[in-house]
């Protein structure tokens, strides 16, 4: 069986959007951003899709707003946790 590589978790797009909007790349290195992203994605539910346009069609503006809110919370929690962990390990 061949897994379709077009399949992805829609929350990945929202996490990437959060990183861009909040300019994480100006403060943190890529490896740390990847760790924060993975940690946050593990806190979020999965919403697998083939095409982003599929989500745009099925989501109401309220649903998308709630998903963005969930991402913001997960990213802040992840960032705080990993920064605290890094400080403890210094």
PDB file of N, CA and C in Angstrom:
ATOM      1  N   UNK A   1       0.841  -1.181   0.000  1.00  0.00           N
ATOM      2  CA  UNK A   1       0.000   0.000   0.000  1.00  0.00           C
ATOM      3  C   UNK A   1       0.886   1.244   0.000  1.00  0.00           C
ATOM      4  N   UNK A   2       0.526   2.200  -0.794  1.00  0.00           N
ATOM      5  CA  UNK A   2       1.275   3.455  -0.897  1.00  0.00           C
ATOM      6  C   UNK A   2       0.485   4.561  -0.213  1.00  0.00           C
ATOM      7  N   UNK A   3       1.096   5.199   0.772  1.00  0.00           N
ATOM      8  CA  UNK A   3       0.437   6.302   1.476  1.00  0.00           C
ATOM      9  C   UNK A   3       0.568   7.576   0.657  1.00  0.00           C
ATOM     10  N   UNK A   4      -0.538   8.264   0.486  1.00  0.00           N
ATOM     11  CA  UNK A   4      -0.558   9.508  -0.272  1.00  0.00           C
ATOM     12  C   UNK A   4       0.183  10.586   0.514  1.00  0.00           C
ATOM     13  N   UNK A   5       1.220  11.155  -0.066  1.00  0.00           N
ATOM     14  CA  UNK A   5       2.009  12.174   0.618  1.00  0.00           C
ATOM     15  C   UNK A   5       1.333  13.538   0.628  1.00  0.00           C
ATOM     16  N   UNK A   6       0.201  13.662  -0.053  1.00  0.00           N
ATOM     17  CA  UNK A   6      -0.558  14.912  -0.010  1.00  0.00           C
ATOM     18  C   UNK A   6      -1.338  15.042   1.288  1.00  0.00           C
ATOM     19  N   UNK A   7      -1.497  13.949   2.000  1.00  0.00           N
ATOM     20  CA  UNK A   7      -2.262  13.950   3.241  1.00  0.00           C
ATOM     21  C   UNK A   7      -1.435  14.632   4.328  1.00  0.00           C
ATOM     22  N   UNK A   8      -2.066  15.574   5.015  1.00  0.00           N
ATOM     23  CA  UNK A   8      -1.367  16.254   6.112  1.00  0.00           C
ATOM     24  C   UNK A   8      -2.376  16.743   7.144  1.00  0.00           C
ATOM     25  N   UNK A   9      -1.862  17.069   8.286  1.00  0.00           N
ATOM     26  CA  UNK A   9      -2.671  17.572   9.387  1.00  0.00           C
ATOM     27  C   UNK A   9      -2.847  19.076   9.179  1.00  0.00           C
ATOM     28  N   UNK A  10      -4.076  19.538   9.094  1.00  0.00           N
ATOM     29  CA  UNK A  10      -4.343  20.961   8.853  1.00  0.00           C
ATOM     30  C   UNK A  10      -3.742  21.842   9.941  1.00  0.00           C
ATOM     31  N   UNK A  11      -3.634  21.310  11.143  1.00  0.00           N
ATOM     32  CA  UNK A  11      -3.044  22.098  12.225  1.00  0.00           C
ATOM     33  C   UNK A  11      -1.580  22.458  11.935  1.00  0.00           C
ATOM     34  N   UNK A  12      -0.897  21.665  11.109  1.00  0.00           N
ATOM     35  CA  UNK A  12       0.484  22.002  10.736  1.00  0.00           C
ATOM     36  C   UNK A  12       0.517  23.368  10.048  1.00  0.00           C
ATOM     37  N   UNK A  13      -0.440  23.595   9.174  1.00  0.00           N
ATOM     38  CA  UNK A  13      -0.538  24.884   8.477  1.00  0.00           C
ATOM     39  C   UNK A  13      -0.760  26.022   9.479  1.00  0.00           C
ATOM     40  N   UNK A  14      -1.647  25.785  10.450  1.00  0.00           N
ATOM     41  CA  UNK A  14      -1.940  26.826  11.442  1.00  0.00           C
ATOM     42  C   UNK A  14      -0.757  27.088  12.357  1.00  0.00           C
ATOM     43  N   UNK A  15      -0.002  26.045  12.695  1.00  0.00           N
ATOM     44  CA  UNK A  15       1.200  26.221  13.518  1.00  0.00           C
ATOM     45  C   UNK A  15       2.237  27.027  12.741  1.00  0.00           C
ATOM     46  N   UNK A  16       2.437  26.695  11.484  1.00  0.00           N
ATOM     47  CA  UNK A  16       3.389  27.440  10.647  1.00  0.00           C
ATOM     48  C   UNK A  16       2.970  28.903  10.524  1.00  0.00           C
ATOM     49  N   UNK A  17       1.679  29.122  10.355  1.00  0.00           N
ATOM     50  CA  UNK A  17       1.146  30.488  10.284  1.00  0.00           C
ATOM     51  C   UNK A  17       1.435  31.242  11.592  1.00  0.00           C
ATOM     52  N   UNK A  18       1.246  30.576  12.717  1.00  0.00           N
ATOM     53  CA  UNK A  18       1.505  31.184  14.023  1.00  0.00           C
ATOM     54  C   UNK A  18       2.984  31.577  14.151  1.00  0.00           C
ATOM     55  N   UNK A  19       3.865  30.698  13.723  1.00  0.00           N
ATOM     56  CA  UNK A  19       5.313  30.958  13.781  1.00  0.00           C
ATOM     57  C   UNK A  19       5.676  32.169  12.938  1.00  0.00           C
ATOM     58  N   UNK A  20       5.105  32.266  11.749  1.00  0.00           N
ATOM     59  CA  UNK A  20       5.386  33.382  10.837  1.00  0.00           C
ATOM     60  C   UNK A  20       4.861  34.697  11.399  1.00  0.00           C
ATOM     61  N   UNK A  21       3.603  34.696  11.825  1.00  0.00           N
ATOM     62  CA  UNK A  21       2.973  35.915  12.344  1.00  0.00           C
ATOM     63  C   UNK A  21       3.711  36.427  13.585  1.00  0.00           C
ATOM     64  N   UNK A  22       4.139  35.509  14.436  1.00  0.00           N
ATOM     65  CA  UNK A  22       4.806  35.897  15.680  1.00  0.00           C
ATOM     66  C   UNK A  22       6.325  36.004  15.549  1.00  0.00           C
ATOM     67  N   UNK A  23       6.831  35.837  14.320  1.00  0.00           N
ATOM     68  CA  UNK A  23       8.241  36.033  13.981  1.00  0.00           C
ATOM     69  C   UNK A  23       9.182  35.257  14.904  1.00  0.00           C
ATOM     70  N   UNK A  24       8.852  33.984  15.128  1.00  0.00           N
ATOM     71  CA  UNK A  24       9.706  33.138  15.971  1.00  0.00           C
ATOM     72  C   UNK A  24      11.120  33.055  15.409  1.00  0.00           C
ATOM     73  N   UNK A  25      11.253  33.101  14.082  1.00  0.00           N
ATOM     74  CA  UNK A  25      12.577  32.973  13.467  1.00  0.00           C
ATOM     75  C   UNK A  25      13.506  34.130  13.817  1.00  0.00           C
ATOM     76  N   UNK A  26      12.963  35.220  14.308  1.00  0.00           N
ATOM     77  CA  UNK A  26      13.797  36.354  14.715  1.00  0.00           C
ATOM     78  C   UNK A  26      14.352  36.171  16.132  1.00  0.00           C
ATOM     79  N   UNK A  27      13.789  35.221  16.875  1.00  0.00           N
ATOM     80  CA  UNK A  27      14.191  35.012  18.260  1.00  0.00           C
ATOM     81  C   UNK A  27      14.812  33.642  18.496  1.00  0.00           C
ATOM     82  N   UNK A  28      14.324  32.624  17.790  1.00  0.00           N
ATOM     83  CA  UNK A  28      14.725  31.244  18.061  1.00  0.00           C
ATOM     84  C   UNK A  28      15.340  30.599  16.827  1.00  0.00           C
ATOM     85  N   UNK A  29      16.211  29.600  17.062  1.00  0.00           N
ATOM     86  CA  UNK A  29      16.792  28.881  15.924  1.00  0.00           C
ATOM     87  C   UNK A  29      15.799  27.831  15.416  1.00  0.00           C
ATOM     88  N   UNK A  30      16.073  27.343  14.213  1.00  0.00           N
ATOM     89  CA  UNK A  30      15.160  26.425  13.541  1.00  0.00           C
ATOM     90  C   UNK A  30      14.901  25.173  14.362  1.00  0.00           C
ATOM     91  N   UNK A  31      15.921  24.617  14.971  1.00  0.00           N
ATOM     92  CA  UNK A  31      15.750  23.388  15.749  1.00  0.00           C
ATOM     93  C   UNK A  31      14.789  23.606  16.924  1.00  0.00           C
ATOM     94  N   UNK A  32      14.927  24.735  17.603  1.00  0.00           N
ATOM     95  CA  UNK A  32      14.041  25.033  18.728  1.00  0.00           C
ATOM     96  C   UNK A  32      12.612  25.252  18.238  1.00  0.00           C
ATOM     97  N   UNK A  33      12.444  25.950  17.127  1.00  0.00           N
ATOM     98  CA  UNK A  33      11.109  26.174  16.552  1.00  0.00           C
ATOM     99  C   UNK A  33      10.473  24.837  16.176  1.00  0.00           C
ATOM    100  N   UNK A  34      11.259  23.934  15.604  1.00  0.00           N
ATOM    101  CA  UNK A  34      10.738  22.614  15.252  1.00  0.00           C
ATOM    102  C   UNK A  34      10.287  21.856  16.498  1.00  0.00           C
ATOM    103  N   UNK A  35      11.060  21.954  17.581  1.00  0.00           N
ATOM    104  CA  UNK A  35      10.683  21.293  18.839  1.00  0.00           C
ATOM    105  C   UNK A  35       9.378  21.868  19.388  1.00  0.00           C
ATOM    106  N   UNK A  36       9.263  23.181  19.386  1.00  0.00           N
ATOM    107  CA  UNK A  36       8.041  23.830  19.866  1.00  0.00           C
ATOM    108  C   UNK A  36       6.854  23.402  19.008  1.00  0.00           C
ATOM    109  N   UNK A  37       7.051  23.367  17.701  1.00  0.00           N
ATOM    110  CA  UNK A  37       5.982  22.969  16.779  1.00  0.00           C
ATOM    111  C   UNK A  37       5.524  21.539  17.042  1.00  0.00           C
ATOM    112  N   UNK A  38       6.465  20.624  17.183  1.00  0.00           N
ATOM    113  CA  UNK A  38       6.112  19.221  17.446  1.00  0.00           C
ATOM    114  C   UNK A  38       5.382  19.085  18.770  1.00  0.00           C
ATOM    115  N   UNK A  39       5.882  19.758  19.789  1.00  0.00           N
ATOM    116  CA  UNK A  39       5.250  19.686  21.099  1.00  0.00           C
ATOM    117  C   UNK A  39       3.815  20.208  21.014  1.00  0.00           C
ATOM    118  N   UNK A  40       3.626  21.338  20.344  1.00  0.00           N
ATOM    119  CA  UNK A  40       2.289  21.925  20.204  1.00  0.00           C
ATOM    120  C   UNK A  40       1.367  21.020  19.401  1.00  0.00           C
ATOM    121  N   UNK A  41       1.863  20.458  18.301  1.00  0.00           N
ATOM    122  CA  UNK A  41       1.028  19.579  17.476  1.00  0.00           C
ATOM    123  C   UNK A  41       0.571  18.349  18.254  1.00  0.00           C
ATOM    124  N   UNK A  42       1.390  17.889  19.185  1.00  0.00           N
ATOM    125  CA  UNK A  42       0.992  16.752  20.020  1.00  0.00           C
ATOM    126  C   UNK A  42      -0.087  17.130  21.032  1.00  0.00           C
ATOM    127  N   UNK A  43      -0.236  18.405  21.317  1.00  0.00           N
ATOM    128  CA  UNK A  43      -1.296  18.873  22.211  1.00  0.00           C
ATOM    129  C   UNK A  43      -2.620  19.090  21.488  1.00  0.00           C
ATOM    130  N   UNK A  44      -2.552  19.193  20.183  1.00  0.00           N
ATOM    131  CA  UNK A  44      -3.727  19.521  19.365  1.00  0.00           C
ATOM    132  C   UNK A  44      -4.355  18.264  18.766  1.00  0.00           C
ATOM    133  N   UNK A  45      -5.650  18.335  18.457  1.00  0.00           N
ATOM    134  CA  UNK A  45      -6.271  17.198  17.768  1.00  0.00           C
ATOM    135  C   UNK A  45      -5.771  17.119  16.328  1.00  0.00           C
ATOM    136  N   UNK A  46      -5.970  15.990  15.714  1.00  0.00           N
ATOM    137  CA  UNK A  46      -5.577  15.819  14.310  1.00  0.00           C
ATOM    138  C   UNK A  46      -6.758  16.136  13.403  1.00  0.00           C
ATOM    139  N   UNK A  47      -6.483  16.846  12.331  1.00  0.00           N
ATOM    140  CA  UNK A  47      -7.484  17.144  11.297  1.00  0.00           C
ATOM    141  C   UNK A  47      -6.813  16.891   9.949  1.00  0.00           C
ATOM    142  N   UNK A  48      -6.814  15.639   9.526  1.00  0.00           N
ATOM    143  CA  UNK A  48      -6.117  15.267   8.304  1.00  0.00           C
ATOM    144  C   UNK A  48      -6.940  15.608   7.070  1.00  0.00           C
ATOM    145  N   UNK A  49      -6.235  16.164   6.097  1.00  0.00           N
ATOM    146  CA  UNK A  49      -6.855  16.565   4.834  1.00  0.00           C
ATOM    147  C   UNK A  49      -5.883  16.287   3.693  1.00  0.00           C
ATOM    148  N   UNK A  50      -6.390  16.346   2.494  1.00  0.00           N
ATOM    149  CA  UNK A  50      -5.528  16.227   1.312  1.00  0.00           C
ATOM    150  C   UNK A  50      -5.177  17.599   0.758  1.00  0.00           C
ATOM    151  N   UNK A  51      -6.117  18.522   0.804  1.00  0.00           N
ATOM    152  CA  UNK A  51      -5.907  19.854   0.239  1.00  0.00           C
ATOM    153  C   UNK A  51      -6.428  20.897   1.213  1.00  0.00           C
ATOM    154  N   UNK A  52      -5.670  21.956   1.415  1.00  0.00           N
ATOM    155  CA  UNK A  52      -6.103  23.016   2.332  1.00  0.00           C
ATOM    156  C   UNK A  52      -7.450  23.599   1.931  1.00  0.00           C
ATOM    157  N   UNK A  53      -7.719  23.630   0.648  1.00  0.00           N
ATOM    158  CA  UNK A  53      -8.992  24.179   0.173  1.00  0.00           C
ATOM    159  C   UNK A  53     -10.163  23.347   0.707  1.00  0.00           C
ATOM    160  N   UNK A  54      -9.940  22.054   0.982  1.00  0.00           N
ATOM    161  CA  UNK A  54     -10.991  21.216   1.564  1.00  0.00           C
ATOM    162  C   UNK A  54     -11.434  21.774   2.911  1.00  0.00           C
ATOM    163  N   UNK A  55     -10.484  22.198   3.734  1.00  0.00           N
ATOM    164  CA  UNK A  55     -10.816  22.749   5.039  1.00  0.00           C
ATOM    165  C   UNK A  55     -11.521  24.085   4.889  1.00  0.00           C
ATOM    166  N   UNK A  56     -11.077  24.881   3.946  1.00  0.00           N
ATOM    167  CA  UNK A  56     -11.711  26.185   3.729  1.00  0.00           C
ATOM    168  C   UNK A  56     -13.180  26.003   3.368  1.00  0.00           C
ATOM    169  N   UNK A  57     -13.483  24.954   2.641  1.00  0.00           N
ATOM    170  CA  UNK A  57     -14.858  24.693   2.218  1.00  0.00           C
ATOM    171  C   UNK A  57     -15.731  24.226   3.382  1.00  0.00           C
ATOM    172  N   UNK A  58     -15.171  23.372   4.255  1.00  0.00           N
ATOM    173  CA  UNK A  58     -15.962  22.760   5.320  1.00  0.00           C
ATOM    174  C   UNK A  58     -15.986  23.542   6.627  1.00  0.00           C
ATOM    175  N   UNK A  59     -15.022  24.403   6.861  1.00  0.00           N
ATOM    176  CA  UNK A  59     -14.954  25.145   8.121  1.00  0.00           C
ATOM    177  C   UNK A  59     -15.792  26.411   8.093  1.00  0.00           C
ATOM    178  N   UNK A  60     -16.483  26.658   9.164  1.00  0.00           N
ATOM    179  CA  UNK A  60     -17.124  27.963   9.316  1.00  0.00           C
ATOM    180  C   UNK A  60     -16.062  28.921   9.844  1.00  0.00           C
ATOM    181  N   UNK A  61     -16.312  30.201   9.791  1.00  0.00           N
ATOM    182  CA  UNK A  61     -15.347  31.163  10.315  1.00  0.00           C
ATOM    183  C   UNK A  61     -15.171  30.965  11.821  1.00  0.00           C
ATOM    184  N   UNK A  62     -16.242  30.569  12.506  1.00  0.00           N
ATOM    185  CA  UNK A  62     -16.155  30.291  13.937  1.00  0.00           C
ATOM    186  C   UNK A  62     -15.279  29.088  14.230  1.00  0.00           C
ATOM    187  N   UNK A  63     -15.395  28.030  13.396  1.00  0.00           N
ATOM    188  CA  UNK A  63     -14.552  26.847  13.562  1.00  0.00           C
ATOM    189  C   UNK A  63     -13.077  27.201  13.379  1.00  0.00           C
ATOM    190  N   UNK A  64     -12.791  27.967  12.332  1.00  0.00           N
ATOM    191  CA  UNK A  64     -11.392  28.347  12.073  1.00  0.00           C
ATOM    192  C   UNK A  64     -10.868  29.220  13.202  1.00  0.00           C
ATOM    193  N   UNK A  65     -11.678  30.140  13.676  1.00  0.00           N
ATOM    194  CA  UNK A  65     -11.279  30.991  14.790  1.00  0.00           C
ATOM    195  C   UNK A  65     -10.929  30.136  16.009  1.00  0.00           C
ATOM    196  N   UNK A  66     -11.753  29.129  16.299  1.00  0.00           N
ATOM    197  CA  UNK A  66     -11.481  28.247  17.433  1.00  0.00           C
ATOM    198  C   UNK A  66     -10.208  27.442  17.242  1.00  0.00           C
ATOM    199  N   UNK A  67      -9.956  27.003  16.008  1.00  0.00           N
ATOM    200  CA  UNK A  67      -8.731  26.256  15.734  1.00  0.00           C
ATOM    201  C   UNK A  67      -7.507  27.146  15.921  1.00  0.00           C
ATOM    202  N   UNK A  68      -7.571  28.379  15.459  1.00  0.00           N
ATOM    203  CA  UNK A  68      -6.461  29.317  15.637  1.00  0.00           C
ATOM    204  C   UNK A  68      -6.233  29.586  17.118  1.00  0.00           C
ATOM    205  N   UNK A  69      -7.305  29.731  17.869  1.00  0.00           N
ATOM    206  CA  UNK A  69      -7.219  29.945  19.309  1.00  0.00           C
ATOM    207  C   UNK A  69      -6.539  28.745  19.986  1.00  0.00           C
ATOM    208  N   UNK A  70      -6.921  27.529  19.591  1.00  0.00           N
ATOM    209  CA  UNK A  70      -6.298  26.315  20.128  1.00  0.00           C
ATOM    210  C   UNK A  70      -4.808  26.287  19.823  1.00  0.00           C
ATOM    211  N   UNK A  71      -4.440  26.683  18.606  1.00  0.00           N
ATOM    212  CA  UNK A  71      -3.034  26.712  18.212  1.00  0.00           C
ATOM    213  C   UNK A  71      -2.273  27.736  19.048  1.00  0.00           C
ATOM    214  N   UNK A  72      -2.848  28.912  19.221  1.00  0.00           N
ATOM    215  CA  UNK A  72      -2.186  29.940  20.030  1.00  0.00           C
ATOM    216  C   UNK A  72      -1.906  29.430  21.443  1.00  0.00           C
ATOM    217  N   UNK A  73      -2.882  28.782  22.050  1.00  0.00           N
ATOM    218  CA  UNK A  73      -2.720  28.247  23.406  1.00  0.00           C
ATOM    219  C   UNK A  73      -1.646  27.162  23.426  1.00  0.00           C
ATOM    220  N   UNK A  74      -1.712  26.229  22.474  1.00  0.00           N
ATOM    221  CA  UNK A  74      -0.741  25.134  22.419  1.00  0.00           C
ATOM    222  C   UNK A  74       0.676  25.651  22.180  1.00  0.00           C
ATOM    223  N   UNK A  75       0.818  26.648  21.320  1.00  0.00           N
ATOM    224  CA  UNK A  75       2.152  27.194  21.030  1.00  0.00           C
ATOM    225  C   UNK A  75       2.716  27.916  22.253  1.00  0.00           C
ATOM    226  N   UNK A  76       1.909  28.685  22.943  1.00  0.00           N
ATOM    227  CA  UNK A  76       2.378  29.387  24.147  1.00  0.00           C
ATOM    228  C   UNK A  76       2.780  28.373  25.217  1.00  0.00           C
ATOM    229  N   UNK A  77       1.943  27.361  25.445  1.00  0.00           N
ATOM    230  CA  UNK A  77       2.267  26.332  26.431  1.00  0.00           C
ATOM    231  C   UNK A  77       3.565  25.609  26.074  1.00  0.00           C
ATOM    232  N   UNK A  78       3.723  25.264  24.811  1.00  0.00           N
ATOM    233  CA  UNK A  78       4.917  24.559  24.351  1.00  0.00           C
ATOM    234  C   UNK A  78       6.159  25.413  24.488  1.00  0.00           C
ATOM    235  N   UNK A  79       6.053  26.661  24.082  1.00  0.00           N
ATOM    236  CA  UNK A  79       7.174  27.583  24.175  1.00  0.00           C
ATOM    237  C   UNK A  79       7.593  27.767  25.630  1.00  0.00           C
ATOM    238  N   UNK A  80       6.632  28.004  26.507  1.00  0.00           N
ATOM    239  CA  UNK A  80       6.948  28.194  27.920  1.00  0.00           C
ATOM    240  C   UNK A  80       7.588  26.945  28.515  1.00  0.00           C
ATOM    241  N   UNK A  81       7.047  25.779  28.188  1.00  0.00           N
ATOM    242  CA  UNK A  81       7.578  24.530  28.725  1.00  0.00           C
ATOM    243  C   UNK A  81       9.017  24.299  28.265  1.00  0.00           C
ATOM    244  N   UNK A  82       9.260  24.461  26.962  1.00  0.00           N
ATOM    245  CA  UNK A  82      10.601  24.189  26.436  1.00  0.00           C
ATOM    246  C   UNK A  82      11.615  25.235  26.869  1.00  0.00           C
ATOM    247  N   UNK A  83      11.194  26.490  27.005  1.00  0.00           N
ATOM    248  CA  UNK A  83      12.112  27.515  27.517  1.00  0.00           C
ATOM    249  C   UNK A  83      12.472  27.223  28.976  1.00  0.00           C
ATOM    250  N   UNK A  84      11.495  26.818  29.762  1.00  0.00           N
ATOM    251  CA  UNK A  84      11.742  26.468  31.158  1.00  0.00           C
ATOM    252  C   UNK A  84      12.672  25.258  31.250  1.00  0.00           C
ATOM    253  N   UNK A  85      12.428  24.263  30.425  1.00  0.00           N
ATOM    254  CA  UNK A  85      13.267  23.062  30.397  1.00  0.00           C
ATOM    255  C   UNK A  85      14.708  23.404  29.994  1.00  0.00           C
ATOM    256  N   UNK A  86      14.850  24.287  28.997  1.00  0.00           N
ATOM    257  CA  UNK A  86      16.186  24.698  28.545  1.00  0.00           C
ATOM    258  C   UNK A  86      16.920  25.448  29.667  1.00  0.00           C
ATOM    259  N   UNK A  87      16.189  26.266  30.402  1.00  0.00           N
ATOM    260  CA  UNK A  87      16.800  27.017  31.496  1.00  0.00           C
ATOM    261  C   UNK A  87      17.255  26.088  32.611  1.00  0.00           C
ATOM    262  N   UNK A  88      16.470  25.075  32.912  1.00  0.00           N
ATOM    263  CA  UNK A  88      16.832  24.105  33.954  1.00  0.00           C
ATOM    264  C   UNK A  88      18.085  23.332  33.560  1.00  0.00           C
ATOM    265  N   UNK A  89      18.244  23.051  32.266  1.00  0.00           N
ATOM    266  CA  UNK A  89      19.376  22.264  31.779  1.00  0.00           C
ATOM    267  C   UNK A  89      20.646  23.083  31.545  1.00  0.00           C
ATOM    268  N   UNK A  90      20.603  24.365  31.817  1.00  0.00           N
ATOM    269  CA  UNK A  90      21.802  25.208  31.607  1.00  0.00           C
ATOM    270  C   UNK A  90      22.849  24.935  32.650  1.00  0.00           C
TER     271      UNK A  90
END
